[in-house]
Amino acid sequence: MKEPLLQRIVLSAGPWLAARLIHLVHKCQRVDSIGEEALASLWQKQQSVILAFWHDQLFMMATGYHGLGARVMISASKDGELIARTMQYFNIGSVRGSSTRGGKAAFREMLALAREPFDLVFTPDGPKGPRHEVKEGVIQLARLTGRPVVPMAFACSHGRRFASWDRFLLPYPFGRGVYAFGEPLYYNPTETPEQFRTRIQAAMEDNDRRAAERLKSYGLSAV
């Protein structure tokens, strides 16, 4: 069935406009990055990773990524299509699927991509929550590929939180932003998947706190 005209226009122009807005916000912010040393060391060794950040922080993540090339898991929905097309403007590819739609096929594709030099990117609480709770996909991908999971976070001093399930964050220009990266987490064969999930959960929460604390050191509060 042919898509309605308005939907075709949105899918055509929306990603370009979104990419320009992301670039504008990033350019107009004072941005810090903390904790990237361990990740940069892995990249220098040509080692790819699994990057994990919360769904509500998606808007600014593309401009905080400086790696070897990435493929991100994005929901196979209409909103996901907009996000996937937007990511193309940042040279970031996508794998379409989620825990609720097309997940098994998408996960198999991510496993196949793990044999190539791409970082794999997850929002482990997406696509519908619960908010800030790590789900199984990122755990199993780390277990099966041997890649480390690296927490990534973004916090800003000015922006808006939407009344969505994830309280999606839209940063405003002319504020201060902070990207934070956690230490790489490797799956230990002696632990259970639940124990690894607990470690990732704690690391991601700690990484969020580090980003907020950096803003606090400037006398600012995170949105």
N, C-alpha and C. Protein backbone atom coordinates (compact mmCIF):
# COMPACT_ATOMS: atom_id res chain seq x y z
N MET A 1 0.84 -1.19 0.00
CA MET A 1 0.00 0.00 0.00
C MET A 1 0.89 1.25 0.00
N LYS A 2 0.53 2.21 -0.85
CA LYS A 2 1.33 3.42 -0.96
C LYS A 2 1.17 4.28 0.28
N GLU A 3 2.29 4.85 0.75
CA GLU A 3 2.24 5.67 1.94
C GLU A 3 1.52 6.99 1.65
N PRO A 4 0.75 7.53 2.62
CA PRO A 4 0.11 8.83 2.44
C PRO A 4 1.15 9.90 2.15
N LEU A 5 0.73 10.96 1.43
CA LEU A 5 1.65 12.01 1.01
C LEU A 5 2.35 12.66 2.21
N LEU A 6 1.59 12.97 3.26
CA LEU A 6 2.18 13.62 4.42
C LEU A 6 3.26 12.75 5.06
N GLN A 7 2.99 11.44 5.13
CA GLN A 7 3.97 10.53 5.72
C GLN A 7 5.22 10.46 4.87
N ARG A 8 5.07 10.49 3.55
CA ARG A 8 6.24 10.46 2.66
C ARG A 8 7.08 11.73 2.83
N ILE A 9 6.40 12.87 3.01
CA ILE A 9 7.11 14.13 3.20
C ILE A 9 7.88 14.11 4.51
N VAL A 10 7.23 13.62 5.57
CA VAL A 10 7.88 13.55 6.87
C VAL A 10 9.10 12.63 6.82
N LEU A 11 8.95 11.47 6.18
CA LEU A 11 10.08 10.53 6.08
C LEU A 11 11.20 11.06 5.21
N SER A 12 10.87 11.93 4.28
CA SER A 12 11.88 12.50 3.39
C SER A 12 12.60 13.68 4.03
N ALA A 13 11.84 14.64 4.56
CA ALA A 13 12.43 15.87 5.08
C ALA A 13 12.75 15.80 6.57
N GLY A 14 12.00 15.00 7.33
CA GLY A 14 12.17 14.95 8.78
C GLY A 14 13.57 14.59 9.23
N PRO A 15 14.16 13.52 8.71
CA PRO A 15 15.51 13.14 9.15
C PRO A 15 16.55 14.22 8.86
N TRP A 16 16.46 14.88 7.71
CA TRP A 16 17.41 15.96 7.39
C TRP A 16 17.27 17.10 8.40
N LEU A 17 16.03 17.49 8.69
CA LEU A 17 15.80 18.56 9.66
C LEU A 17 16.28 18.16 11.05
N ALA A 18 16.01 16.91 11.43
CA ALA A 18 16.44 16.43 12.75
C ALA A 18 17.96 16.45 12.86
N ALA A 19 18.65 16.00 11.81
CA ALA A 19 20.12 15.99 11.82
C ALA A 19 20.68 17.41 11.94
N ARG A 20 20.06 18.37 11.21
CA ARG A 20 20.52 19.76 11.30
C ARG A 20 20.31 20.31 12.70
N LEU A 21 19.17 19.95 13.32
CA LEU A 21 18.88 20.43 14.67
C LEU A 21 19.88 19.85 15.68
N ILE A 22 20.20 18.58 15.54
CA ILE A 22 21.17 17.95 16.44
C ILE A 22 22.52 18.64 16.31
N HIS A 23 22.95 18.87 15.07
CA HIS A 23 24.23 19.56 14.86
C HIS A 23 24.19 20.96 15.46
N LEU A 24 23.08 21.67 15.29
CA LEU A 24 22.96 23.03 15.81
C LEU A 24 23.06 23.05 17.34
N VAL A 25 22.30 22.16 17.98
CA VAL A 25 22.33 22.12 19.45
C VAL A 25 23.73 21.80 19.94
N HIS A 26 24.37 20.82 19.31
CA HIS A 26 25.72 20.43 19.73
C HIS A 26 26.71 21.58 19.54
N LYS A 27 26.62 22.28 18.41
CA LYS A 27 27.54 23.38 18.12
C LYS A 27 27.36 24.53 19.10
N CYS A 28 26.13 24.74 19.56
CA CYS A 28 25.83 25.88 20.43
C CYS A 28 25.95 25.56 21.91
N GLN A 29 26.32 24.32 22.24
CA GLN A 29 26.53 23.95 23.63
C GLN A 29 28.01 23.97 23.98
N ARG A 30 28.30 24.16 25.27
CA ARG A 30 29.65 23.92 25.78
C ARG A 30 29.67 22.47 26.25
N VAL A 31 30.45 21.64 25.59
CA VAL A 31 30.37 20.19 25.80
C VAL A 31 31.67 19.66 26.39
N ASP A 32 31.54 18.85 27.43
CA ASP A 32 32.65 18.11 28.02
C ASP A 32 32.48 16.63 27.74
N SER A 33 33.58 15.90 27.80
CA SER A 33 33.54 14.44 27.71
C SER A 33 34.43 13.88 28.81
N ILE A 34 33.90 12.94 29.59
CA ILE A 34 34.69 12.35 30.67
C ILE A 34 34.69 10.84 30.55
N GLY A 35 35.83 10.26 30.92
CA GLY A 35 35.93 8.80 31.00
C GLY A 35 36.12 8.09 29.68
N GLU A 36 36.49 8.80 28.62
CA GLU A 36 36.59 8.17 27.30
C GLU A 36 37.93 7.48 27.08
N GLU A 37 38.86 7.60 28.04
CA GLU A 37 40.21 7.09 27.82
C GLU A 37 40.25 5.58 27.58
N ALA A 38 39.52 4.82 28.40
CA ALA A 38 39.53 3.36 28.25
C ALA A 38 38.93 2.94 26.92
N LEU A 39 37.86 3.62 26.52
CA LEU A 39 37.23 3.33 25.24
C LEU A 39 38.16 3.68 24.09
N ALA A 40 38.79 4.84 24.16
CA ALA A 40 39.73 5.25 23.11
C ALA A 40 40.88 4.26 22.98
N SER A 41 41.33 3.71 24.11
CA SER A 41 42.40 2.72 24.08
C SER A 41 41.99 1.47 23.31
N LEU A 42 40.74 1.04 23.50
CA LEU A 42 40.23 -0.12 22.75
C LEU A 42 40.16 0.19 21.26
N TRP A 43 39.68 1.38 20.93
CA TRP A 43 39.61 1.77 19.52
C TRP A 43 40.99 1.83 18.88
N GLN A 44 41.99 2.28 19.63
CA GLN A 44 43.35 2.34 19.10
C GLN A 44 43.88 0.95 18.77
N LYS A 45 43.36 -0.05 19.48
CA LYS A 45 43.74 -1.44 19.22
C LYS A 45 42.82 -2.09 18.17
N GLN A 46 41.98 -1.26 17.55
CA GLN A 46 41.02 -1.74 16.55
C GLN A 46 40.02 -2.73 17.14
N GLN A 47 39.71 -2.58 18.43
CA GLN A 47 38.74 -3.45 19.09
C GLN A 47 37.40 -2.75 19.16
N SER A 48 36.39 -3.38 18.61
CA SER A 48 35.04 -2.82 18.63
C SER A 48 34.32 -3.19 19.93
N VAL A 49 33.29 -2.41 20.27
CA VAL A 49 32.62 -2.57 21.55
C VAL A 49 31.10 -2.58 21.37
N ILE A 50 30.42 -2.79 22.48
CA ILE A 50 28.97 -2.61 22.54
C ILE A 50 28.71 -1.36 23.39
N LEU A 51 28.19 -0.31 22.77
CA LEU A 51 27.85 0.91 23.50
C LEU A 51 26.41 0.83 23.98
N ALA A 52 26.19 1.21 25.23
CA ALA A 52 24.85 1.14 25.81
C ALA A 52 24.50 2.47 26.47
N PHE A 53 23.37 3.05 26.09
CA PHE A 53 22.89 4.27 26.74
C PHE A 53 21.37 4.20 26.85
N TRP A 54 20.81 4.98 27.76
CA TRP A 54 19.37 4.95 27.99
C TRP A 54 18.61 5.62 26.84
N HIS A 55 17.39 5.13 26.62
CA HIS A 55 16.57 5.56 25.50
C HIS A 55 16.29 7.06 25.52
N ASP A 56 16.12 7.65 26.68
CA ASP A 56 15.76 9.07 26.76
C ASP A 56 16.90 9.99 26.35
N GLN A 57 18.13 9.47 26.26
CA GLN A 57 19.30 10.29 25.94
C GLN A 57 19.71 10.18 24.47
N LEU A 58 18.84 9.59 23.66
CA LEU A 58 19.17 9.28 22.27
C LEU A 58 19.52 10.51 21.44
N PHE A 59 18.85 11.64 21.69
CA PHE A 59 18.93 12.80 20.79
C PHE A 59 20.37 13.24 20.51
N MET A 60 21.22 13.27 21.52
CA MET A 60 22.56 13.83 21.36
C MET A 60 23.66 12.79 21.21
N MET A 61 23.32 11.52 21.16
CA MET A 61 24.36 10.50 21.21
C MET A 61 25.21 10.43 19.94
N ALA A 62 24.63 10.71 18.80
CA ALA A 62 25.40 10.61 17.55
C ALA A 62 26.57 11.58 17.54
N THR A 63 26.39 12.79 18.09
CA THR A 63 27.46 13.78 18.08
C THR A 63 28.50 13.50 19.17
N GLY A 64 28.22 12.58 20.07
CA GLY A 64 29.19 12.21 21.09
C GLY A 64 29.99 10.97 20.74
N TYR A 65 29.68 10.38 19.58
CA TYR A 65 30.36 9.14 19.17
C TYR A 65 31.52 9.47 18.24
N HIS A 66 32.72 8.97 18.57
CA HIS A 66 33.92 9.24 17.77
C HIS A 66 34.67 7.95 17.46
N GLY A 67 33.93 6.88 17.22
CA GLY A 67 34.55 5.58 17.06
C GLY A 67 34.82 5.17 15.63
N LEU A 68 34.94 3.86 15.44
CA LEU A 68 35.38 3.28 14.17
C LEU A 68 34.26 3.09 13.17
N GLY A 69 33.04 3.33 13.61
CA GLY A 69 31.85 3.06 12.80
C GLY A 69 30.88 2.26 13.63
N ALA A 70 29.58 2.58 13.53
CA ALA A 70 28.61 1.97 14.44
C ALA A 70 27.37 1.50 13.70
N ARG A 71 26.73 0.51 14.31
CA ARG A 71 25.42 0.05 13.89
C ARG A 71 24.54 0.01 15.13
N VAL A 72 23.40 0.67 15.07
CA VAL A 72 22.54 0.81 16.24
C VAL A 72 21.25 0.03 16.04
N MET A 73 20.80 -0.64 17.09
CA MET A 73 19.53 -1.34 17.08
C MET A 73 18.41 -0.32 17.24
N ILE A 74 17.50 -0.26 16.25
CA ILE A 74 16.40 0.70 16.25
C ILE A 74 15.10 -0.04 15.99
N SER A 75 14.07 0.37 16.71
CA SER A 75 12.76 -0.26 16.60
C SER A 75 12.26 -0.28 15.15
N ALA A 76 11.58 -1.37 14.78
CA ALA A 76 11.02 -1.51 13.44
C ALA A 76 9.65 -0.85 13.36
N SER A 77 9.56 0.40 13.79
CA SER A 77 8.31 1.17 13.80
C SER A 77 8.47 2.38 12.90
N LYS A 78 7.40 3.16 12.74
CA LYS A 78 7.49 4.39 11.93
C LYS A 78 8.43 5.40 12.59
N ASP A 79 8.34 5.53 13.91
CA ASP A 79 9.27 6.41 14.61
C ASP A 79 10.71 5.91 14.44
N GLY A 80 10.87 4.59 14.49
CA GLY A 80 12.19 4.01 14.30
C GLY A 80 12.75 4.31 12.92
N GLU A 81 11.88 4.34 11.91
CA GLU A 81 12.32 4.66 10.55
C GLU A 81 12.87 6.08 10.48
N LEU A 82 12.22 7.01 11.16
CA LEU A 82 12.72 8.39 11.20
C LEU A 82 14.09 8.45 11.86
N ILE A 83 14.24 7.73 12.97
CA ILE A 83 15.52 7.72 13.68
C ILE A 83 16.61 7.09 12.82
N ALA A 84 16.29 5.96 12.17
CA ALA A 84 17.28 5.28 11.34
C ALA A 84 17.76 6.17 10.20
N ARG A 85 16.83 6.88 9.57
CA ARG A 85 17.22 7.77 8.47
C ARG A 85 18.03 8.97 8.97
N THR A 86 17.71 9.43 10.17
CA THR A 86 18.48 10.52 10.76
C THR A 86 19.91 10.08 11.04
N MET A 87 20.08 8.86 11.55
CA MET A 87 21.41 8.36 11.87
C MET A 87 22.31 8.27 10.64
N GLN A 88 21.70 8.09 9.47
CA GLN A 88 22.49 8.00 8.24
C GLN A 88 23.27 9.29 7.99
N TYR A 89 22.75 10.43 8.44
CA TYR A 89 23.45 11.70 8.27
C TYR A 89 24.69 11.80 9.16
N PHE A 90 24.82 10.88 10.11
CA PHE A 90 26.00 10.82 10.97
C PHE A 90 26.87 9.60 10.64
N ASN A 91 26.60 8.98 9.48
CA ASN A 91 27.33 7.78 9.04
C ASN A 91 27.20 6.64 10.04
N ILE A 92 26.04 6.55 10.66
CA ILE A 92 25.74 5.47 11.59
C ILE A 92 24.62 4.62 10.99
N GLY A 93 24.90 3.34 10.80
CA GLY A 93 23.91 2.45 10.23
C GLY A 93 22.96 1.92 11.29
N SER A 94 21.95 1.19 10.85
CA SER A 94 20.95 0.68 11.79
C SER A 94 20.61 -0.77 11.50
N VAL A 95 20.17 -1.43 12.54
CA VAL A 95 19.59 -2.77 12.45
C VAL A 95 18.19 -2.64 13.01
N ARG A 96 17.18 -3.01 12.23
CA ARG A 96 15.81 -2.73 12.60
C ARG A 96 15.19 -3.90 13.35
N GLY A 97 14.74 -3.62 14.56
CA GLY A 97 14.10 -4.64 15.38
C GLY A 97 14.16 -4.25 16.84
N SER A 98 13.37 -4.94 17.66
CA SER A 98 13.35 -4.66 19.09
C SER A 98 12.83 -5.89 19.81
N SER A 99 12.68 -5.78 21.12
CA SER A 99 12.18 -6.90 21.90
C SER A 99 10.72 -7.18 21.59
N THR A 100 10.02 -6.23 20.95
CA THR A 100 8.60 -6.41 20.69
C THR A 100 8.28 -6.62 19.22
N ARG A 101 9.25 -6.41 18.33
CA ARG A 101 8.95 -6.51 16.90
C ARG A 101 10.23 -6.80 16.12
N GLY A 102 10.30 -7.96 15.48
CA GLY A 102 11.44 -8.30 14.66
C GLY A 102 12.72 -8.52 15.43
N GLY A 103 12.60 -8.78 16.73
CA GLY A 103 13.77 -8.84 17.59
C GLY A 103 14.72 -9.98 17.28
N LYS A 104 14.21 -11.17 17.03
CA LYS A 104 15.08 -12.32 16.80
C LYS A 104 15.94 -12.14 15.55
N ALA A 105 15.31 -11.68 14.46
CA ALA A 105 16.05 -11.48 13.22
C ALA A 105 17.08 -10.37 13.40
N ALA A 106 16.70 -9.29 14.09
CA ALA A 106 17.63 -8.18 14.32
C ALA A 106 18.80 -8.62 15.19
N PHE A 107 18.52 -9.45 16.19
CA PHE A 107 19.59 -9.92 17.06
C PHE A 107 20.56 -10.79 16.28
N ARG A 108 20.05 -11.64 15.39
CA ARG A 108 20.93 -12.47 14.55
C ARG A 108 21.80 -11.58 13.66
N GLU A 109 21.22 -10.48 13.16
CA GLU A 109 22.00 -9.56 12.33
C GLU A 109 23.09 -8.89 13.15
N MET A 110 22.77 -8.52 14.39
CA MET A 110 23.78 -7.92 15.26
C MET A 110 24.92 -8.91 15.53
N LEU A 111 24.57 -10.17 15.73
CA LEU A 111 25.61 -11.19 15.93
C LEU A 111 26.50 -11.30 14.70
N ALA A 112 25.89 -11.24 13.52
CA ALA A 112 26.68 -11.31 12.28
C ALA A 112 27.58 -10.08 12.15
N LEU A 113 27.06 -8.91 12.51
CA LEU A 113 27.85 -7.69 12.42
C LEU A 113 29.01 -7.69 13.41
N ALA A 114 28.88 -8.48 14.48
CA ALA A 114 29.96 -8.55 15.48
C ALA A 114 31.23 -9.14 14.89
N ARG A 115 31.13 -9.78 13.74
CA ARG A 115 32.33 -10.30 13.07
C ARG A 115 33.01 -9.23 12.23
N GLU A 116 32.38 -8.05 12.14
CA GLU A 116 32.91 -6.94 11.36
C GLU A 116 33.33 -5.80 12.30
N PRO A 117 34.14 -4.85 11.82
CA PRO A 117 34.69 -3.81 12.69
C PRO A 117 33.71 -2.66 12.94
N PHE A 118 32.52 -2.99 13.44
CA PHE A 118 31.54 -1.98 13.82
C PHE A 118 31.30 -2.04 15.32
N ASP A 119 31.16 -0.87 15.93
CA ASP A 119 30.62 -0.84 17.29
C ASP A 119 29.12 -1.10 17.20
N LEU A 120 28.60 -1.87 18.13
CA LEU A 120 27.17 -2.18 18.19
C LEU A 120 26.54 -1.35 19.29
N VAL A 121 25.43 -0.70 19.00
CA VAL A 121 24.84 0.27 19.91
C VAL A 121 23.45 -0.17 20.33
N PHE A 122 23.21 -0.14 21.65
CA PHE A 122 21.94 -0.56 22.22
C PHE A 122 21.38 0.52 23.14
N THR A 123 20.07 0.64 23.17
CA THR A 123 19.39 1.30 24.28
C THR A 123 18.73 0.17 25.08
N PRO A 124 19.37 -0.28 26.14
CA PRO A 124 18.94 -1.51 26.80
C PRO A 124 17.60 -1.43 27.53
N ASP A 125 17.02 -0.23 27.63
CA ASP A 125 15.67 -0.14 28.21
C ASP A 125 14.62 0.09 27.12
N GLY A 126 15.02 0.14 25.85
CA GLY A 126 14.07 0.37 24.77
C GLY A 126 13.46 -0.92 24.26
N PRO A 127 12.40 -0.80 23.41
CA PRO A 127 11.84 0.45 22.92
C PRO A 127 10.72 1.03 23.79
N LYS A 128 10.26 0.27 24.78
CA LYS A 128 9.10 0.73 25.56
C LYS A 128 9.28 0.60 27.06
N GLY A 129 10.51 0.38 27.51
CA GLY A 129 10.74 0.34 28.94
C GLY A 129 10.66 -1.06 29.52
N PRO A 130 10.68 -1.14 30.84
CA PRO A 130 10.65 -0.06 31.82
C PRO A 130 11.85 0.86 31.72
N ARG A 131 11.63 2.13 32.07
CA ARG A 131 12.63 3.16 31.94
C ARG A 131 13.86 2.84 32.80
N HIS A 132 15.04 2.96 32.20
CA HIS A 132 16.32 2.79 32.88
C HIS A 132 16.45 1.43 33.56
N GLU A 133 15.94 0.41 32.87
CA GLU A 133 16.13 -0.97 33.33
C GLU A 133 16.76 -1.78 32.20
N VAL A 134 17.91 -2.38 32.47
CA VAL A 134 18.63 -3.16 31.47
C VAL A 134 17.85 -4.44 31.17
N LYS A 135 17.61 -4.68 29.87
CA LYS A 135 16.94 -5.90 29.46
C LYS A 135 17.95 -6.88 28.85
N GLU A 136 17.46 -8.00 28.38
CA GLU A 136 18.32 -9.15 28.10
C GLU A 136 19.21 -9.00 26.87
N GLY A 137 18.78 -8.23 25.85
CA GLY A 137 19.48 -8.22 24.58
C GLY A 137 20.96 -7.90 24.67
N VAL A 138 21.29 -6.83 25.38
CA VAL A 138 22.69 -6.41 25.48
C VAL A 138 23.52 -7.44 26.25
N ILE A 139 22.89 -8.11 27.21
CA ILE A 139 23.59 -9.14 28.00
C ILE A 139 23.97 -10.32 27.12
N GLN A 140 23.01 -10.80 26.33
CA GLN A 140 23.26 -11.96 25.48
C GLN A 140 24.25 -11.63 24.36
N LEU A 141 24.18 -10.38 23.85
CA LEU A 141 25.11 -10.00 22.79
C LEU A 141 26.55 -10.00 23.32
N ALA A 142 26.74 -9.48 24.52
CA ALA A 142 28.08 -9.49 25.13
C ALA A 142 28.54 -10.92 25.42
N ARG A 143 27.63 -11.74 25.90
CA ARG A 143 27.98 -13.13 26.23
C ARG A 143 28.40 -13.91 25.00
N LEU A 144 27.69 -13.72 23.89
CA LEU A 144 27.93 -14.52 22.69
C LEU A 144 29.08 -13.98 21.84
N THR A 145 29.39 -12.69 21.95
CA THR A 145 30.43 -12.10 21.11
C THR A 145 31.75 -11.90 21.83
N GLY A 146 31.72 -11.86 23.17
CA GLY A 146 32.93 -11.57 23.93
C GLY A 146 33.30 -10.10 23.95
N ARG A 147 32.48 -9.26 23.35
CA ARG A 147 32.77 -7.82 23.32
C ARG A 147 32.44 -7.18 24.67
N PRO A 148 33.17 -6.12 25.03
CA PRO A 148 32.82 -5.41 26.26
C PRO A 148 31.64 -4.48 26.05
N VAL A 149 30.85 -4.30 27.10
CA VAL A 149 29.77 -3.30 27.11
C VAL A 149 30.33 -2.03 27.74
N VAL A 150 30.21 -0.91 27.03
CA VAL A 150 30.68 0.38 27.52
C VAL A 150 29.49 1.29 27.76
N PRO A 151 29.19 1.65 29.01
CA PRO A 151 28.09 2.59 29.27
C PRO A 151 28.42 3.98 28.73
N MET A 152 27.40 4.62 28.19
CA MET A 152 27.52 5.98 27.67
C MET A 152 26.34 6.78 28.20
N ALA A 153 26.58 8.03 28.56
CA ALA A 153 25.51 8.87 29.10
C ALA A 153 25.67 10.29 28.62
N PHE A 154 24.56 11.02 28.61
CA PHE A 154 24.59 12.45 28.29
C PHE A 154 23.70 13.18 29.28
N ALA A 155 24.21 14.27 29.82
CA ALA A 155 23.43 15.13 30.71
C ALA A 155 23.62 16.57 30.26
N CYS A 156 22.60 17.41 30.47
CA CYS A 156 22.70 18.81 30.06
C CYS A 156 22.01 19.70 31.07
N SER A 157 22.36 20.97 31.02
CA SER A 157 21.85 21.93 32.00
C SER A 157 20.55 22.60 31.57
N HIS A 158 20.28 22.60 30.24
CA HIS A 158 19.08 23.25 29.74
C HIS A 158 18.41 22.33 28.72
N GLY A 159 17.13 22.13 28.88
CA GLY A 159 16.40 21.27 27.97
C GLY A 159 15.00 21.00 28.47
N ARG A 160 14.33 20.10 27.79
CA ARG A 160 12.95 19.75 28.14
C ARG A 160 12.81 18.25 28.24
N ARG A 161 12.08 17.81 29.25
CA ARG A 161 11.71 16.41 29.39
C ARG A 161 10.27 16.23 28.92
N PHE A 162 10.05 15.31 27.98
CA PHE A 162 8.71 15.07 27.49
C PHE A 162 7.96 14.09 28.39
N ALA A 163 6.65 14.10 28.30
CA ALA A 163 5.81 13.22 29.13
C ALA A 163 5.63 11.86 28.45
N SER A 164 6.73 11.29 27.99
CA SER A 164 6.71 9.97 27.36
C SER A 164 7.17 8.94 28.39
N TRP A 165 7.09 7.65 28.03
CA TRP A 165 7.45 6.59 28.99
C TRP A 165 8.90 6.73 29.45
N ASP A 166 9.77 7.25 28.56
CA ASP A 166 11.19 7.36 28.90
C ASP A 166 11.58 8.75 29.40
N ARG A 167 10.61 9.70 29.41
CA ARG A 167 10.90 11.11 29.75
C ARG A 167 12.01 11.62 28.83
N PHE A 168 11.75 11.51 27.53
CA PHE A 168 12.74 11.83 26.50
C PHE A 168 13.30 13.23 26.70
N LEU A 169 14.63 13.36 26.54
CA LEU A 169 15.33 14.60 26.78
C LEU A 169 15.61 15.33 25.46
N LEU A 170 15.12 16.57 25.36
CA LEU A 170 15.45 17.44 24.24
C LEU A 170 16.32 18.57 24.76
N PRO A 171 17.63 18.52 24.54
CA PRO A 171 18.52 19.58 25.01
C PRO A 171 18.28 20.88 24.26
N TYR A 172 18.51 21.99 24.92
CA TYR A 172 18.42 23.30 24.29
C TYR A 172 19.83 23.82 23.98
N PRO A 173 19.92 24.70 22.96
CA PRO A 173 21.22 25.33 22.69
C PRO A 173 21.64 26.26 23.84
N PHE A 174 22.92 26.59 23.85
CA PHE A 174 23.49 27.59 24.75
C PHE A 174 23.53 27.14 26.21
N GLY A 175 23.41 25.86 26.45
CA GLY A 175 23.62 25.32 27.77
C GLY A 175 24.96 24.60 27.82
N ARG A 176 25.14 23.78 28.83
CA ARG A 176 26.34 22.96 28.94
C ARG A 176 25.94 21.50 28.91
N GLY A 177 26.69 20.71 28.18
CA GLY A 177 26.43 19.29 28.09
C GLY A 177 27.63 18.46 28.50
N VAL A 178 27.37 17.24 28.97
CA VAL A 178 28.45 16.34 29.39
C VAL A 178 28.17 14.94 28.84
N TYR A 179 29.16 14.41 28.12
CA TYR A 179 29.15 12.99 27.76
C TYR A 179 30.02 12.24 28.77
N ALA A 180 29.50 11.13 29.26
CA ALA A 180 30.27 10.31 30.20
C ALA A 180 30.35 8.88 29.67
N PHE A 181 31.52 8.27 29.83
CA PHE A 181 31.75 6.89 29.39
C PHE A 181 32.24 6.07 30.58
N GLY A 182 31.67 4.89 30.75
CA GLY A 182 32.08 4.02 31.84
C GLY A 182 33.18 3.07 31.41
N GLU A 183 33.71 2.33 32.38
CA GLU A 183 34.73 1.32 32.10
C GLU A 183 34.11 0.15 31.31
N PRO A 184 34.87 -0.45 30.40
CA PRO A 184 34.35 -1.61 29.66
C PRO A 184 34.01 -2.77 30.60
N LEU A 185 32.87 -3.39 30.36
CA LEU A 185 32.40 -4.51 31.18
C LEU A 185 32.36 -5.77 30.33
N TYR A 186 33.14 -6.78 30.74
CA TYR A 186 33.19 -8.05 30.01
C TYR A 186 32.36 -9.10 30.73
N TYR A 187 31.69 -9.92 29.94
CA TYR A 187 30.93 -11.03 30.52
C TYR A 187 31.90 -12.07 31.06
N ASN A 188 31.68 -12.46 32.30
CA ASN A 188 32.51 -13.48 32.96
C ASN A 188 31.77 -14.81 32.91
N PRO A 189 32.36 -15.84 32.27
CA PRO A 189 31.67 -17.13 32.15
C PRO A 189 31.29 -17.76 33.50
N THR A 190 31.93 -17.31 34.58
CA THR A 190 31.61 -17.87 35.89
C THR A 190 30.39 -17.22 36.53
N GLU A 191 29.88 -16.15 35.95
CA GLU A 191 28.70 -15.49 36.51
C GLU A 191 27.46 -15.83 35.70
N THR A 192 26.30 -15.61 36.29
CA THR A 192 25.04 -15.84 35.59
C THR A 192 24.69 -14.60 34.78
N PRO A 193 23.83 -14.75 33.76
CA PRO A 193 23.37 -13.56 33.03
C PRO A 193 22.76 -12.50 33.94
N GLU A 194 22.05 -12.92 34.98
CA GLU A 194 21.45 -11.96 35.90
C GLU A 194 22.52 -11.18 36.68
N GLN A 195 23.58 -11.85 37.05
CA GLN A 195 24.67 -11.15 37.74
C GLN A 195 25.34 -10.13 36.82
N PHE A 196 25.49 -10.49 35.55
CA PHE A 196 26.06 -9.55 34.58
C PHE A 196 25.10 -8.38 34.36
N ARG A 197 23.81 -8.67 34.27
CA ARG A 197 22.82 -7.62 34.11
C ARG A 197 22.89 -6.64 35.28
N THR A 198 23.06 -7.16 36.49
CA THR A 198 23.17 -6.31 37.67
C THR A 198 24.39 -5.41 37.59
N ARG A 199 25.50 -5.95 37.09
CA ARG A 199 26.72 -5.15 36.95
C ARG A 199 26.53 -4.03 35.93
N ILE A 200 25.89 -4.35 34.79
CA ILE A 200 25.65 -3.33 33.77
C ILE A 200 24.71 -2.25 34.31
N GLN A 201 23.65 -2.70 34.99
CA GLN A 201 22.69 -1.75 35.56
C GLN A 201 23.39 -0.76 36.49
N ALA A 202 24.20 -1.28 37.39
CA ALA A 202 24.90 -0.42 38.36
C ALA A 202 25.87 0.52 37.65
N ALA A 203 26.57 0.01 36.63
CA ALA A 203 27.54 0.83 35.91
C ALA A 203 26.86 1.96 35.14
N MET A 204 25.71 1.68 34.55
CA MET A 204 25.00 2.72 33.81
C MET A 204 24.44 3.78 34.74
N GLU A 205 23.93 3.35 35.88
CA GLU A 205 23.43 4.32 36.85
C GLU A 205 24.57 5.19 37.38
N ASP A 206 25.72 4.58 37.63
CA ASP A 206 26.87 5.33 38.11
C ASP A 206 27.36 6.31 37.04
N ASN A 207 27.31 5.89 35.79
CA ASN A 207 27.75 6.76 34.70
C ASN A 207 26.84 7.99 34.58
N ASP A 208 25.54 7.79 34.75
CA ASP A 208 24.61 8.92 34.77
C ASP A 208 24.97 9.91 35.89
N ARG A 209 25.28 9.36 37.05
CA ARG A 209 25.63 10.22 38.19
C ARG A 209 26.90 11.02 37.91
N ARG A 210 27.87 10.39 37.25
CA ARG A 210 29.13 11.08 36.95
C ARG A 210 28.88 12.27 36.02
N ALA A 211 28.02 12.08 35.02
CA ALA A 211 27.69 13.18 34.12
C ALA A 211 27.01 14.32 34.87
N ALA A 212 26.05 13.96 35.75
CA ALA A 212 25.35 14.98 36.53
C ALA A 212 26.29 15.69 37.50
N GLU A 213 27.21 14.95 38.09
CA GLU A 213 28.16 15.55 39.03
C GLU A 213 29.11 16.52 38.33
N ARG A 214 29.49 16.22 37.07
CA ARG A 214 30.34 17.15 36.34
C ARG A 214 29.59 18.48 36.12
N LEU A 215 28.30 18.39 35.78
CA LEU A 215 27.51 19.63 35.66
C LEU A 215 27.45 20.35 37.00
N LYS A 216 27.28 19.60 38.07
CA LYS A 216 27.19 20.20 39.40
C LYS A 216 28.48 20.94 39.75
N SER A 217 29.62 20.45 39.27
CA SER A 217 30.89 21.11 39.55
C SER A 217 30.96 22.50 38.92
N TYR A 218 30.10 22.75 37.93
CA TYR A 218 30.00 24.07 37.30
C TYR A 218 28.88 24.90 37.93
N GLY A 219 28.27 24.37 38.98
CA GLY A 219 27.16 25.07 39.60
C GLY A 219 25.86 24.92 38.86
N LEU A 220 25.73 23.83 38.06
CA LEU A 220 24.54 23.60 37.24
C LEU A 220 23.88 22.30 37.64
N SER A 221 22.60 22.20 37.38
CA SER A 221 21.84 20.97 37.63
C SER A 221 21.47 20.32 36.32
N ALA A 222 21.44 19.00 36.31
CA ALA A 222 21.03 18.27 35.10
C ALA A 222 19.51 18.32 34.96
N VAL A 223 19.07 18.46 33.71
CA VAL A 223 17.63 18.48 33.43
C VAL A 223 17.02 17.12 33.74
